[in-house]
């Protein structure tokens, strides 16, 4: 009789162990399912971004700066290209701008202009998986009227997409032979270094955050990548020496 009772106890204990093991396996399976759902969502927006980047890998230079005589990829051209790809792959975008700095500068003609630097956060949301990712860009605008903020926002959004999506416009700071020539030229008078006549109102402009000089797309991209703020070539040199 005692033997049977012991046998029953052993069987009952084994059943309890099996039940606990099954509960643990169910918990693990539930966690794995949730992790897979999260991973699928992340892979969903990641895969879509890869497709979007492939479709927007290059944007042609459709603008021309009459004053400085150079071609550039306009903000309208960049946004048209990226927006078409975002809509195609059902990815929504929400832009939140934030003014980083705002002050007045005096240009070479002695006129006071407003210079504003804006940071723009772009939230991309996959409408199917609910996954999201943030992009960030910084732009500086200068204007004698009320367009400084708009120019800064336009530049910030444009370069957030260009840099985050690895969009090529054909620019390369290292291929700027004029900069190399200026490196060995005689120093110019300071008044020439702050020449910053603004382009037409329908063009965005980038200016040096240190001296207020208008800078090209190539110089802007190089400066943001290396110094994390827009600097003209002269101020980049000074910044490098100070560092």
Protein backbone atom coordinates (compact mmCIF):
# COMPACT_ATOMS: atom_id res chain seq x y z
CA UNK A 1 0.00 0.00 0.00
CA UNK A 2 2.82 2.37 0.90
CA UNK A 3 4.51 1.49 -2.36
CA UNK A 4 1.42 2.50 -4.33
CA UNK A 5 1.16 5.80 -2.49
CA UNK A 6 4.78 6.59 -3.29
CA UNK A 7 4.16 5.69 -6.91
CA UNK A 8 1.15 7.99 -7.04
CA UNK A 9 3.19 10.83 -5.53
CA UNK A 10 5.92 10.39 -8.12
CA UNK A 11 3.37 10.45 -10.96
CA UNK A 12 1.65 13.54 -9.54
CA UNK A 13 4.98 15.31 -9.17
CA UNK A 14 5.92 14.46 -12.76
CA UNK A 15 2.59 15.84 -13.99
CA UNK A 16 3.17 19.09 -12.12
CA UNK A 17 6.64 19.41 -13.67
CA UNK A 18 5.21 18.79 -17.12
CA UNK A 19 2.48 21.40 -16.59
CA UNK A 20 5.02 23.97 -15.37
CA UNK A 21 7.24 23.18 -18.34
CA UNK A 22 4.31 23.64 -20.73
CA UNK A 23 3.40 26.97 -19.10
CA UNK A 24 6.99 28.15 -19.47
CA UNK A 25 7.09 27.08 -23.11
CA UNK A 26 3.82 28.92 -23.78
CA UNK A 27 5.26 32.07 -22.20
CA UNK A 28 8.40 31.77 -24.32
CA UNK A 29 6.33 31.20 -27.45
CA UNK A 30 4.20 34.26 -26.71
CA UNK A 31 7.34 36.37 -26.25
CA UNK A 32 8.80 35.03 -29.49
CA UNK A 33 5.58 35.83 -31.36
CA UNK A 34 5.63 39.38 -30.01
CA UNK A 35 9.30 39.79 -30.90
CA UNK A 36 8.61 38.51 -34.39
CA UNK A 37 5.77 41.00 -34.76
CA UNK A 38 8.07 43.83 -33.68
CA UNK A 39 10.80 42.62 -36.00
CA UNK A 40 8.40 42.30 -38.91
CA UNK A 41 7.22 45.87 -38.30
CA UNK A 42 10.78 47.19 -38.19
CA UNK A 43 11.74 45.23 -41.27
CA UNK A 44 8.60 46.60 -42.90
CA UNK A 45 9.63 50.25 -42.71
CA UNK A 46 13.30 49.41 -43.23
CA UNK A 47 12.51 47.52 -46.43
CA UNK A 48 10.31 50.39 -47.60
CA UNK A 49 13.08 52.91 -46.95
CA UNK A 50 15.47 50.81 -49.00
CA UNK A 51 13.00 50.87 -51.89
CA UNK A 52 12.47 54.62 -51.49
CA UNK A 53 16.23 55.22 -51.43
CA UNK A 54 16.59 53.16 -54.60
CA UNK A 55 13.95 55.21 -56.40
CA UNK A 56 15.40 58.54 -55.22
CA UNK A 57 19.11 57.73 -55.42
CA UNK A 58 19.79 60.75 -57.65
CA UNK A 59 18.10 64.12 -58.07
CA UNK A 60 19.08 66.26 -61.04
CA UNK A 61 20.16 69.86 -60.61
CA UNK A 62 17.14 71.76 -61.84
CA UNK A 63 17.98 75.19 -60.37
CA UNK A 64 20.53 77.86 -61.26
CA UNK A 65 21.90 80.61 -59.03
CA UNK A 66 22.28 83.66 -61.27
CA UNK A 67 24.42 85.57 -58.79
CA UNK A 68 27.00 82.88 -57.99
CA UNK A 69 26.62 81.11 -61.36
CA UNK A 70 26.17 77.52 -60.24
CA UNK A 71 23.56 74.80 -60.66
CA UNK A 72 21.85 73.17 -57.71
CA UNK A 73 19.15 70.63 -56.89
CA UNK A 74 16.15 72.69 -55.82
CA UNK A 75 14.12 71.90 -52.73
CA UNK A 76 11.07 71.52 -54.95
CA UNK A 77 12.88 68.90 -57.05
CA UNK A 78 14.03 66.95 -53.99
CA UNK A 79 10.60 67.03 -52.31
CA UNK A 80 8.80 66.09 -55.51
CA UNK A 81 11.01 63.04 -55.92
CA UNK A 82 10.92 61.90 -52.29
CA UNK A 83 7.20 62.58 -51.84
CA UNK A 84 6.26 60.46 -54.84
CA UNK A 85 8.25 57.53 -53.43
CA UNK A 86 6.84 57.96 -49.91
CA UNK A 87 3.25 57.98 -51.17
CA UNK A 88 3.91 54.99 -53.42
CA UNK A 89 5.10 52.91 -50.47
CA UNK A 90 2.45 54.27 -48.06
CA UNK A 91 4.84 56.10 -45.75
CA UNK A 92 3.55 59.30 -44.15
CA UNK A 93 5.76 62.23 -43.12
CA UNK A 94 5.31 64.80 -40.35
CA UNK A 95 7.71 67.75 -40.10
CA UNK A 96 8.32 69.58 -36.82
CA UNK A 97 10.54 72.69 -37.15
CA UNK A 98 12.38 74.36 -34.28
CA UNK A 99 14.26 77.67 -34.36
CA UNK A 100 17.80 77.14 -33.06
CA UNK A 101 19.08 80.70 -33.40
CA UNK A 102 17.94 84.05 -34.76
CA UNK A 103 19.90 87.29 -35.01
CA UNK A 104 20.65 90.19 -37.34
CA UNK A 105 23.76 90.49 -39.50
CA UNK A 106 25.13 93.29 -41.63
CA UNK A 107 25.97 92.45 -45.23
CA UNK A 108 28.74 93.92 -47.38
CA UNK A 109 26.46 96.79 -48.48
CA UNK A 110 25.78 97.78 -44.89
CA UNK A 111 22.18 96.53 -44.88
CA UNK A 112 20.83 94.62 -41.90
CA UNK A 113 19.39 91.17 -42.64
CA UNK A 114 17.83 88.51 -40.45
CA UNK A 115 19.66 85.21 -40.13
CA UNK A 116 17.78 82.23 -38.73
CA UNK A 117 18.93 78.65 -38.17
CA UNK A 118 16.20 76.03 -37.97
CA UNK A 119 16.30 72.35 -37.04
CA UNK A 120 13.61 70.15 -38.61
CA UNK A 121 12.60 66.74 -37.32
CA UNK A 122 10.91 64.57 -39.95
CA UNK A 123 8.89 61.66 -38.59
CA UNK A 124 8.32 58.93 -41.19
CA UNK A 125 5.47 56.54 -40.34
CA UNK A 126 4.74 53.28 -42.13
CA UNK A 127 0.95 53.33 -42.49
CA UNK A 128 0.82 49.53 -42.67
CA UNK A 129 3.06 48.39 -39.80
CA UNK A 130 2.86 51.50 -37.62
CA UNK A 131 6.65 51.60 -37.38
CA UNK A 132 8.31 55.01 -37.50
CA UNK A 133 11.75 56.55 -37.87
CA UNK A 134 13.08 60.08 -37.33
CA UNK A 135 15.17 62.14 -39.72
CA UNK A 136 16.80 65.44 -38.75
CA UNK A 137 18.16 68.36 -40.72
CA UNK A 138 19.55 71.84 -40.03
CA UNK A 139 19.23 74.84 -42.33
CA UNK A 140 20.12 78.51 -42.18
CA UNK A 141 18.27 81.26 -44.02
CA UNK A 142 18.99 84.95 -44.42
CA UNK A 143 16.67 87.64 -45.69
CA UNK A 144 16.06 91.35 -45.29
CA UNK A 145 12.30 90.74 -45.08
CA UNK A 146 10.24 88.00 -43.49
CA UNK A 147 11.49 84.98 -45.45
CA UNK A 148 14.51 83.99 -43.32
CA UNK A 149 12.60 81.32 -41.38
CA UNK A 150 11.02 79.88 -44.53
CA UNK A 151 14.39 79.68 -46.28
CA UNK A 152 15.92 77.97 -43.23
CA UNK A 153 13.07 75.45 -43.00
CA UNK A 154 13.30 74.68 -46.70
CA UNK A 155 17.05 74.07 -46.50
CA UNK A 156 16.68 71.94 -43.35
CA UNK A 157 14.03 69.67 -44.88
CA UNK A 158 15.93 69.41 -48.16
CA UNK A 159 19.21 68.36 -46.55
CA UNK A 160 17.52 66.05 -44.04
CA UNK A 161 16.26 64.01 -46.97
CA UNK A 162 19.45 64.34 -49.04
CA UNK A 163 21.72 63.13 -46.23
CA UNK A 164 19.41 60.57 -44.59
CA UNK A 165 18.33 58.97 -47.86
CA UNK A 166 21.83 59.17 -49.39
CA UNK A 167 20.48 61.11 -52.37
CA UNK A 168 23.16 62.17 -54.81
CA UNK A 169 23.06 65.53 -56.57
CA UNK A 170 26.49 65.18 -58.18
CA UNK A 171 28.22 67.46 -55.66
CA UNK A 172 31.55 66.64 -54.06
CA UNK A 173 33.36 69.16 -51.79
CA UNK A 174 36.72 67.55 -52.57
CA UNK A 175 36.20 68.24 -56.27
CA UNK A 176 35.91 72.00 -55.69
CA UNK A 177 39.08 73.23 -57.44
CA UNK A 178 38.16 76.85 -56.74
CA UNK A 179 38.53 76.19 -53.01
CA UNK A 180 41.98 74.71 -53.56
CA UNK A 181 42.98 77.76 -55.61
CA UNK A 182 41.75 80.09 -52.89
CA UNK A 183 43.83 78.23 -50.32
CA UNK A 184 47.00 79.48 -52.02
CA UNK A 185 45.70 82.93 -52.95
CA UNK A 186 46.47 86.17 -51.13
CA UNK A 187 44.08 86.92 -48.26
CA UNK A 188 41.17 89.12 -49.27
CA UNK A 189 39.84 92.12 -47.42
CA UNK A 190 37.37 91.19 -44.72
CA UNK A 191 34.55 93.06 -46.46
CA UNK A 192 34.79 90.65 -49.35
CA UNK A 193 34.44 87.69 -47.02
CA UNK A 194 30.99 88.73 -45.82
CA UNK A 195 29.44 89.28 -49.20
CA UNK A 196 26.09 87.58 -48.86
CA UNK A 197 23.70 89.00 -51.41
CA UNK A 198 20.66 86.75 -51.17
CA UNK A 199 19.35 84.85 -54.19
CA UNK A 200 15.88 85.41 -55.53
CA UNK A 201 12.97 84.85 -53.12
CA UNK A 202 12.00 81.54 -54.72
CA UNK A 203 15.41 80.01 -54.01
CA UNK A 204 16.57 78.65 -50.69
CA UNK A 205 19.99 79.77 -49.50
CA UNK A 206 22.51 78.54 -46.99
CA UNK A 207 24.78 80.95 -45.14
CA UNK A 208 27.72 80.63 -42.81
CA UNK A 209 26.52 80.56 -39.20
CA UNK A 210 29.69 82.37 -38.16
CA UNK A 211 30.15 85.29 -40.57
CA UNK A 212 26.89 85.30 -42.57
CA UNK A 213 28.46 84.64 -45.97
CA UNK A 214 26.29 82.81 -48.51
CA UNK A 215 27.66 79.30 -49.13
CA UNK A 216 27.01 76.83 -51.92
CA UNK A 217 25.28 73.48 -51.61
CA UNK A 218 28.62 71.69 -51.79
CA UNK A 219 30.21 73.74 -49.03
CA UNK A 220 27.08 73.42 -46.89
CA UNK A 221 26.99 69.60 -47.20
CA UNK A 222 30.70 69.28 -46.40
CA UNK A 223 30.48 71.64 -43.42
CA UNK A 224 27.42 69.89 -41.93
CA UNK A 225 29.08 66.50 -42.28
CA UNK A 226 32.36 67.60 -40.69
CA UNK A 227 31.52 70.49 -38.34
CA UNK A 228 27.79 69.85 -37.70
CA UNK A 229 26.95 73.46 -38.65
CA UNK A 230 27.07 75.59 -41.80
CA UNK A 231 30.44 77.31 -42.23
CA UNK A 232 32.05 78.99 -45.23
CA UNK A 233 35.47 77.73 -46.31
CA UNK A 234 37.28 80.56 -44.51
CA UNK A 235 35.49 79.89 -41.22
CA UNK A 236 36.11 76.16 -41.66
CA UNK A 237 39.84 76.90 -41.81
CA UNK A 238 39.63 79.05 -38.67
CA UNK A 239 37.57 76.37 -36.92
CA UNK A 240 40.14 73.74 -37.86
CA UNK A 241 43.03 75.84 -36.52
CA UNK A 242 41.15 76.56 -33.29
CA UNK A 243 40.46 72.83 -32.81
